Amino acid sequence: MDFFIQTADAQSLMGSGSDLMGLAPLVLIFVVFYFLLIRPQTKRQKEHREMVSAIAEGNEVVTAGGVLGKVIKATEQFVTIEIADGVEIAVQKHTVGAVMPKGTMKSARSGKPAPKEISQDKPETK
């Protein structure tokens, strides 16, 4: 019978360390979420903010809605984009999704492939 009492005492001493081990999975999950979700999203937001602040007249841009055009006027919050000859639209700067390489509009209007930097074609396999 003394054998069982000693076992109980030993379990009570081990129990204090298991409380700390119970928090380890939560801490591990937070660390994984930080490196896989939060950090990359913050990096993308920073890159987008820098891209939007660098928009200047003459840049060819694509809006979040997929409208391709050339910037003809840029203010602090709005950008005026020429999407066709004589057709201009004003959009908020943060809706600009990407700055495209020069010649993108010309290739889009002619139906020719886009410049190599933005081409989405998959490599041909033989």
N, C-alpha and C. Protein backbone atom coordinates (compact mmCIF):
# COMPACT_ATOMS: atom_id res chain seq x y z
N MET A 1 0.81 -1.19 0.00
CA MET A 1 0.00 0.00 0.00
C MET A 1 0.86 1.26 0.00
N ASP A 2 2.02 1.19 0.67
CA ASP A 2 2.92 2.33 0.67
C ASP A 2 3.41 2.65 -0.74
N PHE A 3 3.45 1.65 -1.54
CA PHE A 3 3.91 1.85 -2.92
C PHE A 3 2.98 2.82 -3.67
N PHE A 4 1.66 2.72 -3.48
CA PHE A 4 0.71 3.58 -4.17
C PHE A 4 0.74 5.01 -3.65
N ILE A 5 1.01 5.21 -2.41
CA ILE A 5 1.09 6.55 -1.85
C ILE A 5 2.29 7.30 -2.43
N GLN A 6 3.39 6.61 -2.58
CA GLN A 6 4.57 7.25 -3.16
C GLN A 6 4.31 7.64 -4.61
N THR A 7 3.57 6.82 -5.33
CA THR A 7 3.23 7.14 -6.71
C THR A 7 2.38 8.41 -6.77
N ALA A 8 1.45 8.54 -5.88
CA ALA A 8 0.60 9.73 -5.86
C ALA A 8 1.42 10.97 -5.57
N ASP A 9 2.37 10.88 -4.66
CA ASP A 9 3.23 12.02 -4.36
C ASP A 9 4.07 12.39 -5.57
N ALA A 10 4.55 11.41 -6.26
CA ALA A 10 5.37 11.68 -7.43
C ALA A 10 4.54 12.35 -8.53
N GLN A 11 3.31 11.99 -8.67
CA GLN A 11 2.46 12.62 -9.68
C GLN A 11 2.16 14.07 -9.33
N SER A 12 2.00 14.39 -8.09
CA SER A 12 1.73 15.78 -7.71
C SER A 12 2.93 16.67 -7.99
N LEU A 13 4.12 16.14 -7.85
CA LEU A 13 5.32 16.93 -8.16
C LEU A 13 5.46 17.15 -9.66
N MET A 14 5.08 16.19 -10.46
CA MET A 14 5.19 16.31 -11.91
C MET A 14 4.11 17.22 -12.49
N GLY A 15 3.02 17.38 -11.79
CA GLY A 15 1.89 18.15 -12.30
C GLY A 15 2.20 19.62 -12.51
N SER A 16 3.11 20.21 -11.76
CA SER A 16 3.40 21.63 -11.88
C SER A 16 4.05 21.96 -13.23
N GLY A 17 4.83 21.07 -13.77
CA GLY A 17 5.48 21.29 -15.05
C GLY A 17 4.53 21.11 -16.22
N SER A 18 3.49 20.32 -16.06
CA SER A 18 2.57 20.07 -17.16
C SER A 18 1.69 21.28 -17.46
N ASP A 19 1.50 22.18 -16.51
CA ASP A 19 0.73 23.40 -16.77
C ASP A 19 1.44 24.25 -17.83
N LEU A 20 2.72 24.36 -17.71
CA LEU A 20 3.50 25.12 -18.67
C LEU A 20 3.51 24.44 -20.03
N MET A 21 3.55 23.12 -20.02
CA MET A 21 3.53 22.38 -21.28
C MET A 21 2.18 22.49 -21.98
N GLY A 22 1.13 22.78 -21.25
CA GLY A 22 -0.19 22.96 -21.84
C GLY A 22 -0.26 24.23 -22.70
N LEU A 23 0.56 25.21 -22.40
CA LEU A 23 0.60 26.45 -23.18
C LEU A 23 1.49 26.34 -24.41
N ALA A 24 2.36 25.38 -24.45
CA ALA A 24 3.30 25.23 -25.56
C ALA A 24 2.61 25.10 -26.92
N PRO A 25 1.56 24.30 -27.07
CA PRO A 25 0.89 24.23 -28.38
C PRO A 25 0.29 25.56 -28.82
N LEU A 26 -0.27 26.32 -27.88
CA LEU A 26 -0.83 27.63 -28.23
C LEU A 26 0.25 28.59 -28.71
N VAL A 27 1.38 28.59 -28.03
CA VAL A 27 2.49 29.44 -28.43
C VAL A 27 3.02 29.01 -29.79
N LEU A 28 3.12 27.72 -30.00
CA LEU A 28 3.59 27.20 -31.28
C LEU A 28 2.64 27.59 -32.42
N ILE A 29 1.35 27.49 -32.20
CA ILE A 29 0.37 27.88 -33.22
C ILE A 29 0.49 29.36 -33.55
N PHE A 30 0.65 30.21 -32.53
CA PHE A 30 0.80 31.64 -32.77
C PHE A 30 2.05 31.93 -33.60
N VAL A 31 3.15 31.28 -33.28
CA VAL A 31 4.40 31.48 -34.03
C VAL A 31 4.23 31.06 -35.48
N VAL A 32 3.58 29.92 -35.71
CA VAL A 32 3.35 29.45 -37.08
C VAL A 32 2.46 30.43 -37.84
N PHE A 33 1.38 30.91 -37.22
CA PHE A 33 0.51 31.88 -37.88
C PHE A 33 1.27 33.16 -38.21
N TYR A 34 2.12 33.59 -37.30
CA TYR A 34 2.87 34.82 -37.55
C TYR A 34 3.75 34.68 -38.78
N PHE A 35 4.51 33.61 -38.87
CA PHE A 35 5.44 33.46 -39.99
C PHE A 35 4.78 33.05 -41.29
N LEU A 36 3.65 32.36 -41.24
CA LEU A 36 3.00 31.92 -42.47
C LEU A 36 1.91 32.86 -42.97
N LEU A 37 1.30 33.65 -42.09
CA LEU A 37 0.19 34.50 -42.51
C LEU A 37 0.43 35.99 -42.26
N ILE A 38 0.74 36.35 -41.05
CA ILE A 38 0.80 37.77 -40.69
C ILE A 38 2.00 38.47 -41.33
N ARG A 39 3.17 37.90 -41.23
CA ARG A 39 4.38 38.54 -41.77
C ARG A 39 4.34 38.72 -43.29
N PRO A 40 3.96 37.69 -44.08
CA PRO A 40 3.90 37.90 -45.53
C PRO A 40 2.85 38.95 -45.94
N GLN A 41 1.71 38.98 -45.23
CA GLN A 41 0.68 39.95 -45.57
C GLN A 41 1.16 41.37 -45.28
N THR A 42 1.86 41.56 -44.19
CA THR A 42 2.41 42.87 -43.87
C THR A 42 3.42 43.30 -44.92
N LYS A 43 4.23 42.36 -45.39
CA LYS A 43 5.22 42.66 -46.42
C LYS A 43 4.53 43.08 -47.72
N ARG A 44 3.46 42.36 -48.11
CA ARG A 44 2.72 42.72 -49.32
C ARG A 44 2.09 44.10 -49.20
N GLN A 45 1.53 44.42 -48.04
CA GLN A 45 0.93 45.74 -47.82
C GLN A 45 1.97 46.83 -47.95
N LYS A 46 3.15 46.61 -47.42
CA LYS A 46 4.22 47.60 -47.51
C LYS A 46 4.64 47.80 -48.96
N GLU A 47 4.80 46.72 -49.72
CA GLU A 47 5.16 46.82 -51.14
C GLU A 47 4.09 47.57 -51.93
N HIS A 48 2.81 47.30 -51.65
CA HIS A 48 1.72 47.98 -52.36
C HIS A 48 1.71 49.47 -52.02
N ARG A 49 1.93 49.81 -50.74
CA ARG A 49 1.99 51.21 -50.34
C ARG A 49 3.11 51.94 -51.08
N GLU A 50 4.29 51.30 -51.18
CA GLU A 50 5.41 51.92 -51.89
C GLU A 50 5.11 52.07 -53.38
N MET A 51 4.47 51.06 -53.97
CA MET A 51 4.13 51.11 -55.39
C MET A 51 3.13 52.24 -55.66
N VAL A 52 2.13 52.38 -54.81
CA VAL A 52 1.12 53.41 -54.99
C VAL A 52 1.73 54.80 -54.82
N SER A 53 2.63 54.96 -53.88
CA SER A 53 3.24 56.28 -53.68
C SER A 53 4.18 56.65 -54.82
N ALA A 54 4.66 55.67 -55.58
CA ALA A 54 5.60 55.93 -56.67
C ALA A 54 4.90 56.12 -58.03
N ILE A 55 3.57 56.06 -58.07
CA ILE A 55 2.85 56.23 -59.33
C ILE A 55 3.06 57.65 -59.85
N ALA A 56 3.43 57.75 -61.13
CA ALA A 56 3.67 59.04 -61.76
C ALA A 56 3.00 59.07 -63.12
N GLU A 57 2.92 60.26 -63.68
CA GLU A 57 2.33 60.42 -65.01
C GLU A 57 3.14 59.62 -66.03
N GLY A 58 2.44 58.95 -66.93
CA GLY A 58 3.09 58.16 -67.97
C GLY A 58 3.18 56.68 -67.63
N ASN A 59 2.98 56.32 -66.39
CA ASN A 59 2.99 54.89 -66.01
C ASN A 59 1.77 54.19 -66.60
N GLU A 60 1.94 52.95 -66.96
CA GLU A 60 0.82 52.11 -67.40
C GLU A 60 0.45 51.23 -66.22
N VAL A 61 -0.84 51.27 -65.85
CA VAL A 61 -1.28 50.60 -64.63
C VAL A 61 -2.51 49.73 -64.90
N VAL A 62 -2.74 48.80 -63.99
CA VAL A 62 -3.95 47.98 -63.99
C VAL A 62 -4.62 48.22 -62.65
N THR A 63 -5.93 48.51 -62.68
CA THR A 63 -6.66 48.71 -61.44
C THR A 63 -7.08 47.36 -60.87
N ALA A 64 -7.61 47.38 -59.66
CA ALA A 64 -8.09 46.16 -59.02
C ALA A 64 -9.24 45.54 -59.82
N GLY A 65 -9.96 46.35 -60.57
CA GLY A 65 -11.06 45.85 -61.39
C GLY A 65 -10.61 45.32 -62.75
N GLY A 66 -9.32 45.44 -63.05
CA GLY A 66 -8.79 44.91 -64.30
C GLY A 66 -8.73 45.90 -65.44
N VAL A 67 -8.93 47.18 -65.15
CA VAL A 67 -8.88 48.21 -66.19
C VAL A 67 -7.43 48.60 -66.44
N LEU A 68 -7.01 48.51 -67.70
CA LEU A 68 -5.64 48.84 -68.10
C LEU A 68 -5.63 50.24 -68.69
N GLY A 69 -4.69 51.07 -68.27
CA GLY A 69 -4.63 52.42 -68.80
C GLY A 69 -3.32 53.09 -68.48
N LYS A 70 -3.20 54.33 -69.00
CA LYS A 70 -1.99 55.13 -68.79
C LYS A 70 -2.34 56.29 -67.87
N VAL A 71 -1.51 56.52 -66.87
CA VAL A 71 -1.73 57.60 -65.90
C VAL A 71 -1.45 58.93 -66.59
N ILE A 72 -2.43 59.83 -66.57
CA ILE A 72 -2.21 61.15 -67.15
C ILE A 72 -2.18 62.24 -66.09
N LYS A 73 -2.70 61.92 -64.89
CA LYS A 73 -2.65 62.87 -63.80
C LYS A 73 -2.69 62.10 -62.48
N ALA A 74 -1.80 62.45 -61.57
CA ALA A 74 -1.76 61.80 -60.27
C ALA A 74 -1.77 62.85 -59.17
N THR A 75 -2.75 62.75 -58.28
CA THR A 75 -2.81 63.63 -57.12
C THR A 75 -2.53 62.79 -55.88
N GLU A 76 -2.75 63.39 -54.72
CA GLU A 76 -2.44 62.67 -53.48
C GLU A 76 -3.31 61.44 -53.28
N GLN A 77 -4.62 61.53 -53.63
CA GLN A 77 -5.52 60.41 -53.39
C GLN A 77 -6.10 59.80 -54.66
N PHE A 78 -6.09 60.54 -55.77
CA PHE A 78 -6.74 60.06 -56.99
C PHE A 78 -5.75 60.02 -58.16
N VAL A 79 -6.06 59.16 -59.12
CA VAL A 79 -5.27 59.03 -60.33
C VAL A 79 -6.24 59.10 -61.50
N THR A 80 -5.91 59.90 -62.52
CA THR A 80 -6.71 59.94 -63.74
C THR A 80 -6.01 59.05 -64.76
N ILE A 81 -6.76 58.09 -65.28
CA ILE A 81 -6.21 57.09 -66.19
C ILE A 81 -6.90 57.21 -67.54
N GLU A 82 -6.10 57.22 -68.61
CA GLU A 82 -6.65 57.21 -69.97
C GLU A 82 -6.70 55.75 -70.40
N ILE A 83 -7.95 55.25 -70.61
CA ILE A 83 -8.11 53.84 -70.96
C ILE A 83 -8.29 53.63 -72.46
N ALA A 84 -8.61 54.69 -73.17
CA ALA A 84 -8.70 54.68 -74.63
C ALA A 84 -8.50 56.12 -75.09
N ASP A 85 -8.36 56.33 -76.39
CA ASP A 85 -8.15 57.69 -76.89
C ASP A 85 -9.35 58.57 -76.50
N GLY A 86 -9.08 59.57 -75.66
CA GLY A 86 -10.12 60.50 -75.24
C GLY A 86 -11.02 59.99 -74.11
N VAL A 87 -10.79 58.81 -73.61
CA VAL A 87 -11.61 58.27 -72.51
C VAL A 87 -10.76 58.23 -71.25
N GLU A 88 -11.16 59.03 -70.26
CA GLU A 88 -10.41 59.12 -69.02
C GLU A 88 -11.31 58.75 -67.85
N ILE A 89 -10.72 58.06 -66.87
CA ILE A 89 -11.44 57.75 -65.64
C ILE A 89 -10.58 58.17 -64.46
N ALA A 90 -11.25 58.54 -63.38
CA ALA A 90 -10.54 58.88 -62.15
C ALA A 90 -10.80 57.77 -61.14
N VAL A 91 -9.73 57.25 -60.57
CA VAL A 91 -9.85 56.18 -59.56
C VAL A 91 -9.01 56.56 -58.35
N GLN A 92 -9.34 55.95 -57.22
CA GLN A 92 -8.54 56.16 -56.03
C GLN A 92 -7.20 55.45 -56.21
N LYS A 93 -6.16 56.06 -55.68
CA LYS A 93 -4.81 55.51 -55.86
C LYS A 93 -4.68 54.08 -55.32
N HIS A 94 -5.32 53.80 -54.20
CA HIS A 94 -5.13 52.47 -53.60
C HIS A 94 -5.79 51.36 -54.40
N THR A 95 -6.63 51.71 -55.40
CA THR A 95 -7.24 50.67 -56.23
C THR A 95 -6.34 50.23 -57.38
N VAL A 96 -5.21 50.88 -57.54
CA VAL A 96 -4.26 50.46 -58.57
C VAL A 96 -3.61 49.16 -58.10
N GLY A 97 -3.74 48.12 -58.91
CA GLY A 97 -3.24 46.81 -58.53
C GLY A 97 -1.79 46.58 -58.90
N ALA A 98 -1.36 47.14 -60.04
CA ALA A 98 0.02 46.91 -60.48
C ALA A 98 0.44 47.98 -61.48
N VAL A 99 1.72 48.29 -61.48
CA VAL A 99 2.31 49.15 -62.51
C VAL A 99 2.90 48.21 -63.54
N MET A 100 2.48 48.37 -64.79
CA MET A 100 2.89 47.46 -65.86
C MET A 100 4.09 48.03 -66.61
N PRO A 101 4.83 47.18 -67.30
CA PRO A 101 5.96 47.67 -68.12
C PRO A 101 5.47 48.51 -69.30
N LYS A 102 6.33 49.39 -69.75
CA LYS A 102 5.99 50.23 -70.92
C LYS A 102 5.67 49.33 -72.11
N GLY A 103 4.67 49.69 -72.88
CA GLY A 103 4.30 48.93 -74.06
C GLY A 103 3.20 47.91 -73.83
N THR A 104 2.75 47.78 -72.60
CA THR A 104 1.70 46.82 -72.30
C THR A 104 0.39 47.22 -72.96
N MET A 105 0.04 48.49 -72.89
CA MET A 105 -1.22 48.95 -73.52
C MET A 105 -1.19 48.74 -75.02
N LYS A 106 -0.06 49.05 -75.62
CA LYS A 106 0.08 48.92 -77.06
C LYS A 106 -0.10 47.46 -77.48
N SER A 107 0.52 46.54 -76.74
CA SER A 107 0.39 45.13 -77.07
C SER A 107 -1.02 44.61 -76.79
N ALA A 108 -1.67 45.16 -75.77
CA ALA A 108 -3.03 44.72 -75.45
C ALA A 108 -4.01 45.17 -76.54
N ARG A 109 -3.81 46.35 -77.08
CA ARG A 109 -4.69 46.85 -78.13
C ARG A 109 -4.47 46.14 -79.47
N SER A 110 -3.22 45.73 -79.72
CA SER A 110 -2.92 45.10 -81.00
C SER A 110 -3.20 43.61 -80.98
N GLY A 111 -3.38 43.04 -79.79
CA GLY A 111 -3.65 41.61 -79.69
C GLY A 111 -2.39 40.77 -79.68
N LYS A 112 -1.24 41.40 -79.71
CA LYS A 112 0.03 40.67 -79.65
C LYS A 112 0.30 40.26 -78.21
N PRO A 113 1.20 39.28 -78.01
CA PRO A 113 1.53 38.87 -76.64
C PRO A 113 2.11 40.03 -75.84
N ALA A 114 1.87 40.00 -74.55
CA ALA A 114 2.38 41.02 -73.65
C ALA A 114 3.89 40.91 -73.55
N PRO A 115 4.56 41.97 -73.08
CA PRO A 115 6.01 41.88 -72.87
C PRO A 115 6.34 40.72 -71.93
N LYS A 116 7.54 40.19 -72.06
CA LYS A 116 7.94 38.98 -71.33
C LYS A 116 7.82 39.11 -69.82
N GLU A 117 7.99 40.31 -69.26
CA GLU A 117 7.97 40.47 -67.81
C GLU A 117 6.60 40.10 -67.22
N ILE A 118 5.52 40.29 -67.98
CA ILE A 118 4.20 40.03 -67.42
C ILE A 118 3.48 38.88 -68.10
N SER A 119 4.11 38.24 -69.04
CA SER A 119 3.46 37.16 -69.77
C SER A 119 3.11 36.03 -68.81
N GLN A 120 1.87 35.56 -68.88
CA GLN A 120 1.39 34.51 -68.00
C GLN A 120 1.38 33.15 -68.70
N ASP A 121 1.98 33.07 -69.90
CA ASP A 121 1.99 31.81 -70.63
C ASP A 121 2.83 30.78 -69.90
N LYS A 122 2.38 29.54 -69.94
CA LYS A 122 3.14 28.46 -69.34
C LYS A 122 4.21 28.02 -70.34
N PRO A 123 5.35 27.59 -69.85
CA PRO A 123 6.40 27.12 -70.78
C PRO A 123 5.93 25.88 -71.54
N GLU A 124 6.31 25.82 -72.78
CA GLU A 124 5.91 24.69 -73.61
C GLU A 124 6.66 23.45 -73.19
N THR A 125 5.95 22.35 -73.11
CA THR A 125 6.60 21.09 -72.78
C THR A 125 6.53 20.17 -74.00
N LYS A 126 7.59 19.43 -74.22
CA LYS A 126 7.65 18.56 -75.39
C LYS A 126 7.47 17.13 -74.99
